[in-house]
Amino acid sequence: MAIYAETHAEYYRRIDAIAKVGEKLRLLDLTDKKVRETVAVASDAKSLYEGAWYRLFRRHERLSEKAAIPDES
């Protein structure tokens, strides 16, 4: 997905990779060049989501202005 983001990031507001770590959802913003560079040299996915580049995912965040995450309440 990071390779796709490298060549298509300008067409999207956000391209996120989301994973559950423990009890929390964390995301990597793949439109950020430094995040993609870190993904390219990472030895495993766990280190990415526990490293300096992740953000906590919040249910109220929207992936874009047009496509929203469905509310499961």
Protein backbone atom coordinates (compact mmCIF):
# COMPACT_ATOMS: atom_id res chain seq x y z
CA MET A 1 0.00 0.00 0.00
CA ALA A 2 2.94 2.34 0.64
CA ILE A 3 4.10 1.84 -2.96
CA TYR A 4 0.61 2.71 -4.22
CA ALA A 5 0.57 5.81 -1.99
CA GLU A 6 3.95 6.87 -3.39
CA THR A 7 2.56 7.15 -6.90
CA HIS A 8 -1.04 8.16 -6.15
CA ALA A 9 -0.94 10.26 -2.95
CA GLU A 10 -1.75 13.48 -4.79
CA TYR A 11 -5.17 12.06 -5.74
CA TYR A 12 -6.21 11.37 -2.14
CA ARG A 13 -6.61 13.45 0.98
CA ARG A 14 -5.50 10.50 3.14
CA ILE A 15 -4.26 6.96 2.65
CA ASP A 16 -4.17 5.22 6.01
CA ALA A 17 -2.93 1.81 7.10
CA ILE A 18 -4.83 0.82 10.26
CA ALA A 19 -4.01 -1.96 12.72
CA LYS A 20 -5.17 -2.99 16.16
CA VAL A 21 -2.35 -2.94 18.72
CA GLY A 22 -3.47 -4.17 22.10
CA GLU A 23 -6.89 -2.64 22.64
CA LYS A 24 -6.31 0.44 20.46
CA LEU A 25 -6.49 1.09 16.74
CA ARG A 26 -3.43 2.84 15.33
CA LEU A 27 -2.87 4.30 11.90
CA LEU A 28 -0.02 5.23 9.62
CA ASP A 29 -0.61 8.15 7.24
CA LEU A 30 0.83 6.85 3.98
CA THR A 31 0.49 10.22 2.26
CA ASP A 32 3.41 11.33 4.46
CA LYS A 33 6.71 10.73 2.62
CA LYS A 34 8.66 10.11 5.86
CA VAL A 35 6.14 7.45 6.92
CA ARG A 36 6.49 5.70 3.52
CA GLU A 37 10.29 5.81 3.84
CA THR A 38 10.02 4.24 7.29
CA VAL A 39 7.68 1.53 5.96
CA ALA A 40 10.18 0.71 3.21
CA VAL A 41 12.97 -0.11 5.67
CA ALA A 42 10.90 -1.59 8.52
CA SER A 43 11.70 -5.13 9.57
CA ASP A 44 8.09 -5.87 10.61
CA ALA A 45 4.66 -4.26 10.86
CA LYS A 46 4.58 -4.34 14.66
CA SER A 47 7.57 -1.99 14.88
CA LEU A 48 5.79 0.50 12.61
CA TYR A 49 2.65 0.66 14.72
CA GLU A 50 4.63 0.89 17.95
CA GLY A 51 7.15 3.41 16.59
CA ALA A 52 7.16 7.18 16.32
CA TRP A 53 5.03 7.47 13.15
CA TYR A 54 1.66 6.09 14.27
CA ARG A 55 -1.40 8.04 15.39
CA LEU A 56 -4.28 6.72 17.45
CA PHE A 57 -7.36 6.09 15.35
CA ARG A 58 -10.55 7.68 16.63
CA ARG A 59 -13.97 6.54 15.44
CA HIS A 60 -15.06 10.12 14.74
CA GLU A 61 -12.20 10.70 12.29
CA ARG A 62 -13.19 10.68 8.66
CA LEU A 63 -11.02 9.15 5.95
CA SER A 64 -12.07 11.86 3.53
CA GLU A 65 -14.71 14.50 3.04
CA LYS A 66 -16.71 12.17 0.75
CA ALA A 67 -16.15 8.74 2.31
CA ALA A 68 -16.93 8.39 5.99
CA ILE A 69 -16.35 5.44 8.27
CA PRO A 70 -19.77 3.97 9.11
CA ASP A 71 -20.87 4.48 12.68
CA GLU A 72 -21.43 1.10 14.36
CA SER A 73 -23.42 2.44 17.33
